[in-house]
Amino acid sequence: MKKRFIKVHSEGTIKGNEIWVDRETGVNYLFHFDGNAGGLTPLLNKDGKPLVTPIYDE
């Protein structure tokens, strides 16, 4: 089974950020973490709409 989300960027170990892309919709998400806490939000373009990455089959 193919994973729905792929991690395209990561910075930090105990505290940091990751960018994940939904392979079905192309929507980009920012995941911020700090120790045992974290939060996820869609990334938005300058018009306030979700940032979408074109999806290509691997």
PDB file of N, CA and C in Angstrom:
ATOM      1  N   MET A   1       0.830  -1.181   0.000  1.00  0.00           N
ATOM      2  CA  MET A   1       0.000   0.000   0.000  1.00  0.00           C
ATOM      3  C   MET A   1       0.878   1.249   0.000  1.00  0.00           C
ATOM      4  N   LYS A   2       0.551   2.190  -0.858  1.00  0.00           N
ATOM      5  CA  LYS A   2       1.321   3.417  -0.984  1.00  0.00           C
ATOM      6  C   LYS A   2       0.928   4.386   0.136  1.00  0.00           C
ATOM      7  N   LYS A   3       1.925   5.031   0.739  1.00  0.00           N
ATOM      8  CA  LYS A   3       1.661   5.997   1.801  1.00  0.00           C
ATOM      9  C   LYS A   3       0.965   7.223   1.234  1.00  0.00           C
ATOM     10  N   ARG A   4      -0.033   7.728   1.968  1.00  0.00           N
ATOM     11  CA  ARG A   4      -0.778   8.902   1.494  1.00  0.00           C
ATOM     12  C   ARG A   4       0.033  10.175   1.641  1.00  0.00           C
ATOM     13  N   PHE A   5       0.800  10.315   2.715  1.00  0.00           N
ATOM     14  CA  PHE A   5       1.564  11.533   2.969  1.00  0.00           C
ATOM     15  C   PHE A   5       3.052  11.262   2.810  1.00  0.00           C
ATOM     16  N   ILE A   6       3.770  12.226   2.228  1.00  0.00           N
ATOM     17  CA  ILE A   6       5.222  12.116   2.118  1.00  0.00           C
ATOM     18  C   ILE A   6       5.850  13.362   2.741  1.00  0.00           C
ATOM     19  N   LYS A   7       6.938  13.147   3.458  1.00  0.00           N
ATOM     20  CA  LYS A   7       7.671  14.255   4.082  1.00  0.00           C
ATOM     21  C   LYS A   7       8.642  14.797   3.045  1.00  0.00           C
ATOM     22  N   VAL A   8       8.540  16.110   2.755  1.00  0.00           N
ATOM     23  CA  VAL A   8       9.400  16.710   1.743  1.00  0.00           C
ATOM     24  C   VAL A   8      10.450  17.648   2.335  1.00  0.00           C
ATOM     25  N   HIS A   9      10.314  17.985   3.620  1.00  0.00           N
ATOM     26  CA  HIS A   9      11.291  18.862   4.270  1.00  0.00           C
ATOM     27  C   HIS A   9      11.266  18.605   5.772  1.00  0.00           C
ATOM     28  N   SER A  10      12.441  18.679   6.396  1.00  0.00           N
ATOM     29  CA  SER A  10      12.535  18.484   7.837  1.00  0.00           C
ATOM     30  C   SER A  10      13.687  19.309   8.384  1.00  0.00           C
ATOM     31  N   GLU A  11      13.449  19.945   9.524  1.00  0.00           N
ATOM     32  CA  GLU A  11      14.527  20.673  10.216  1.00  0.00           C
ATOM     33  C   GLU A  11      14.302  20.554  11.706  1.00  0.00           C
ATOM     34  N   GLY A  12      15.369  20.305  12.431  1.00  0.00           N
ATOM     35  CA  GLY A  12      15.296  20.164  13.881  1.00  0.00           C
ATOM     36  C   GLY A  12      15.124  18.714  14.311  1.00  0.00           C
ATOM     37  N   THR A  13      15.406  18.471  15.600  1.00  0.00           N
ATOM     38  CA  THR A  13      15.257  17.119  16.143  1.00  0.00           C
ATOM     39  C   THR A  13      14.273  17.115  17.306  1.00  0.00           C
ATOM     40  N   ILE A  14      14.543  17.864  18.352  1.00  0.00           N
ATOM     41  CA  ILE A  14      13.623  17.931  19.494  1.00  0.00           C
ATOM     42  C   ILE A  14      12.585  19.026  19.261  1.00  0.00           C
ATOM     43  N   LYS A  15      12.983  20.080  18.581  1.00  0.00           N
ATOM     44  CA  LYS A  15      12.092  21.184  18.229  1.00  0.00           C
ATOM     45  C   LYS A  15      12.340  21.520  16.762  1.00  0.00           C
ATOM     46  N   GLY A  16      11.271  21.583  15.966  1.00  0.00           N
ATOM     47  CA  GLY A  16      11.486  21.884  14.560  1.00  0.00           C
ATOM     48  C   GLY A  16      10.205  21.885  13.749  1.00  0.00           C
ATOM     49  N   ASN A  17      10.405  21.824  12.436  1.00  0.00           N
ATOM     50  CA  ASN A  17       9.312  21.873  11.475  1.00  0.00           C
ATOM     51  C   ASN A  17       9.499  20.806  10.407  1.00  0.00           C
ATOM     52  N   GLU A  18       8.379  20.343   9.866  1.00  0.00           N
ATOM     53  CA  GLU A  18       8.378  19.420   8.734  1.00  0.00           C
ATOM     54  C   GLU A  18       7.297  19.871   7.769  1.00  0.00           C
ATOM     55  N   ILE A  19       7.521  19.635   6.491  1.00  0.00           N
ATOM     56  CA  ILE A  19       6.487  19.879   5.494  1.00  0.00           C
ATOM     57  C   ILE A  19       6.104  18.526   4.906  1.00  0.00           C
ATOM     58  N   TRP A  20       4.799  18.258   4.917  1.00  0.00           N
ATOM     59  CA  TRP A  20       4.230  17.015   4.407  1.00  0.00           C
ATOM     60  C   TRP A  20       3.313  17.331   3.238  1.00  0.00           C
ATOM     61  N   VAL A  21       3.284  16.454   2.240  1.00  0.00           N
ATOM     62  CA  VAL A  21       2.409  16.628   1.084  1.00  0.00           C
ATOM     63  C   VAL A  21       1.456  15.446   1.013  1.00  0.00           C
ATOM     64  N   ASP A  22       0.171  15.745   0.854  1.00  0.00           N
ATOM     65  CA  ASP A  22      -0.862  14.727   0.657  1.00  0.00           C
ATOM     66  C   ASP A  22      -0.779  14.273  -0.795  1.00  0.00           C
ATOM     67  N   ARG A  23      -0.473  13.008  -1.020  1.00  0.00           N
ATOM     68  CA  ARG A  23      -0.279  12.496  -2.372  1.00  0.00           C
ATOM     69  C   ARG A  23      -1.566  12.415  -3.172  1.00  0.00           C
ATOM     70  N   GLU A  24      -2.713  12.470  -2.524  1.00  0.00           N
ATOM     71  CA  GLU A  24      -3.988  12.430  -3.247  1.00  0.00           C
ATOM     72  C   GLU A  24      -4.443  13.819  -3.685  1.00  0.00           C
ATOM     73  N   THR A  25      -4.201  14.841  -2.861  1.00  0.00           N
ATOM     74  CA  THR A  25      -4.680  16.191  -3.173  1.00  0.00           C
ATOM     75  C   THR A  25      -3.570  17.153  -3.561  1.00  0.00           C
ATOM     76  N   GLY A  26      -2.328  16.864  -3.169  1.00  0.00           N
ATOM     77  CA  GLY A  26      -1.208  17.766  -3.426  1.00  0.00           C
ATOM     78  C   GLY A  26      -1.084  18.884  -2.405  1.00  0.00           C
ATOM     79  N   VAL A  27      -1.986  18.934  -1.418  1.00  0.00           N
ATOM     80  CA  VAL A  27      -1.962  19.992  -0.408  1.00  0.00           C
ATOM     81  C   VAL A  27      -0.737  19.818   0.503  1.00  0.00           C
ATOM     82  N   ASN A  28      -0.064  20.943   0.782  1.00  0.00           N
ATOM     83  CA  ASN A  28       1.114  20.962   1.652  1.00  0.00           C
ATOM     84  C   ASN A  28       0.697  21.318   3.076  1.00  0.00           C
ATOM     85  N   TYR A  29       1.299  20.644   4.050  1.00  0.00           N
ATOM     86  CA  TYR A  29       1.008  20.888   5.459  1.00  0.00           C
ATOM     87  C   TYR A  29       2.294  21.161   6.205  1.00  0.00           C
ATOM     88  N   LEU A  30       2.241  22.084   7.173  1.00  0.00           N
ATOM     89  CA  LEU A  30       3.355  22.360   8.063  1.00  0.00           C
ATOM     90  C   LEU A  30       3.081  21.662   9.389  1.00  0.00           C
ATOM     91  N   PHE A  31       4.024  20.846   9.832  1.00  0.00           N
ATOM     92  CA  PHE A  31       3.950  20.204  11.141  1.00  0.00           C
ATOM     93  C   PHE A  31       5.054  20.802  11.990  1.00  0.00           C
ATOM     94  N   HIS A  32       4.679  21.474  13.082  1.00  0.00           N
ATOM     95  CA  HIS A  32       5.652  22.040  14.022  1.00  0.00           C
ATOM     96  C   HIS A  32       5.628  21.192  15.286  1.00  0.00           C
ATOM     97  N   PHE A  33       6.810  20.844  15.782  1.00  0.00           N
ATOM     98  CA  PHE A  33       6.890  20.033  16.994  1.00  0.00           C
ATOM     99  C   PHE A  33       7.897  20.627  17.957  1.00  0.00           C
ATOM    100  N   ASP A  34       7.619  20.395  19.244  1.00  0.00           N
ATOM    101  CA  ASP A  34       8.496  20.863  20.315  1.00  0.00           C
ATOM    102  C   ASP A  34       8.361  19.860  21.452  1.00  0.00           C
ATOM    103  N   GLY A  35       9.330  18.974  21.569  1.00  0.00           N
ATOM    104  CA  GLY A  35       9.260  17.912  22.575  1.00  0.00           C
ATOM    105  C   GLY A  35       8.120  16.964  22.266  1.00  0.00           C
ATOM    106  N   ASN A  36       7.208  16.790  23.226  1.00  0.00           N
ATOM    107  CA  ASN A  36       6.074  15.886  23.038  1.00  0.00           C
ATOM    108  C   ASN A  36       4.853  16.576  22.447  1.00  0.00           C
ATOM    109  N   ALA A  37       4.938  17.861  22.128  1.00  0.00           N
ATOM    110  CA  ALA A  37       3.797  18.603  21.585  1.00  0.00           C
ATOM    111  C   ALA A  37       4.008  18.871  20.102  1.00  0.00           C
ATOM    112  N   GLY A  38       2.919  19.029  19.379  1.00  0.00           N
ATOM    113  CA  GLY A  38       3.016  19.320  17.961  1.00  0.00           C
ATOM    114  C   GLY A  38       1.708  19.844  17.411  1.00  0.00           C
ATOM    115  N   GLY A  39       1.775  20.415  16.232  1.00  0.00           N
ATOM    116  CA  GLY A  39       0.584  20.930  15.575  1.00  0.00           C
ATOM    117  C   GLY A  39       0.736  20.856  14.069  1.00  0.00           C
ATOM    118  N   LEU A  40      -0.390  20.704  13.386  1.00  0.00           N
ATOM    119  CA  LEU A  40      -0.408  20.550  11.937  1.00  0.00           C
ATOM    120  C   LEU A  40      -1.366  21.578  11.345  1.00  0.00           C
ATOM    121  N   THR A  41      -0.945  22.254  10.261  1.00  0.00           N
ATOM    122  CA  THR A  41      -1.797  23.228   9.597  1.00  0.00           C
ATOM    123  C   THR A  41      -1.468  23.235   8.108  1.00  0.00           C
ATOM    124  N   PRO A  42      -2.466  23.486   7.252  1.00  0.00           N
ATOM    125  CA  PRO A  42      -2.153  23.583   5.825  1.00  0.00           C
ATOM    126  C   PRO A  42      -1.348  24.849   5.543  1.00  0.00           C
ATOM    127  N   LEU A  43      -0.439  24.760   4.594  1.00  0.00           N
ATOM    128  CA  LEU A  43       0.281  25.946   4.142  1.00  0.00           C
ATOM    129  C   LEU A  43      -0.608  26.677   3.143  1.00  0.00           C
ATOM    130  N   LEU A  44      -0.622  28.006   3.203  1.00  0.00           N
ATOM    131  CA  LEU A  44      -1.481  28.808   2.339  1.00  0.00           C
ATOM    132  C   LEU A  44      -0.652  29.660   1.385  1.00  0.00           C
ATOM    133  N   ASN A  45      -1.205  29.903   0.192  1.00  0.00           N
ATOM    134  CA  ASN A  45      -0.526  30.787  -0.749  1.00  0.00           C
ATOM    135  C   ASN A  45      -0.900  32.226  -0.440  1.00  0.00           C
ATOM    136  N   LYS A  46      -0.453  33.170  -1.239  1.00  0.00           N
ATOM    137  CA  LYS A  46      -0.684  34.587  -0.938  1.00  0.00           C
ATOM    138  C   LYS A  46      -2.153  34.980  -1.014  1.00  0.00           C
ATOM    139  N   ASP A  47      -2.992  34.169  -1.674  1.00  0.00           N
ATOM    140  CA  ASP A  47      -4.431  34.428  -1.756  1.00  0.00           C
ATOM    141  C   ASP A  47      -5.211  33.767  -0.634  1.00  0.00           C
ATOM    142  N   GLY A  48      -4.516  33.063   0.269  1.00  0.00           N
ATOM    143  CA  GLY A  48      -5.170  32.396   1.383  1.00  0.00           C
ATOM    144  C   GLY A  48      -5.735  31.032   1.047  1.00  0.00           C
ATOM    145  N   LYS A  49      -5.372  30.512  -0.123  1.00  0.00           N
ATOM    146  CA  LYS A  49      -5.823  29.180  -0.534  1.00  0.00           C
ATOM    147  C   LYS A  49      -4.716  28.172  -0.247  1.00  0.00           C
ATOM    148  N   PRO A  50      -5.062  26.892  -0.046  1.00  0.00           N
ATOM    149  CA  PRO A  50      -4.031  25.887   0.238  1.00  0.00           C
ATOM    150  C   PRO A  50      -2.957  25.825  -0.854  1.00  0.00           C
ATOM    151  N   LEU A  51      -1.723  25.686  -0.409  1.00  0.00           N
ATOM    152  CA  LEU A  51      -0.588  25.524  -1.332  1.00  0.00           C
ATOM    153  C   LEU A  51      -0.622  24.090  -1.851  1.00  0.00           C
ATOM    154  N   VAL A  52      -0.676  23.953  -3.179  1.00  0.00           N
ATOM    155  CA  VAL A  52      -0.808  22.632  -3.799  1.00  0.00           C
ATOM    156  C   VAL A  52       0.426  22.350  -4.650  1.00  0.00           C
ATOM    157  N   THR A  53       1.005  21.164  -4.456  1.00  0.00           N
ATOM    158  CA  THR A  53       2.148  20.698  -5.227  1.00  0.00           C
ATOM    159  C   THR A  53       1.648  19.691  -6.263  1.00  0.00           C
ATOM    160  N   PRO A  54       2.072  19.817  -7.533  1.00  0.00           N
ATOM    161  CA  PRO A  54       1.675  18.796  -8.514  1.00  0.00           C
ATOM    162  C   PRO A  54       2.178  17.424  -8.073  1.00  0.00           C
ATOM    163  N   ILE A  55       1.343  16.413  -8.243  1.00  0.00           N
ATOM    164  CA  ILE A  55       1.674  15.049  -7.841  1.00  0.00           C
ATOM    165  C   ILE A  55       2.091  14.243  -9.065  1.00  0.00           C
ATOM    166  N   TYR A  56       3.220  13.566  -8.956  1.00  0.00           N
ATOM    167  CA  TYR A  56       3.718  12.715 -10.038  1.00  0.00           C
ATOM    168  C   TYR A  56       3.827  11.300  -9.511  1.00  0.00           C
ATOM    169  N   ASP A  57       3.462  10.330 -10.342  1.00  0.00           N
ATOM    170  CA  ASP A  57       3.642   8.933  -9.959  1.00  0.00           C
ATOM    171  C   ASP A  57       5.111   8.605  -9.887  1.00  0.00           C
ATOM    172  N   GLU A  58       5.472   7.813  -8.896  1.00  0.00           N
ATOM    173  CA  GLU A  58       6.887   7.426  -8.731  1.00  0.00           C
ATOM    174  C   GLU A  58       7.197   6.233  -9.579  1.00  0.00           C
TER     175      GLU A  58
END
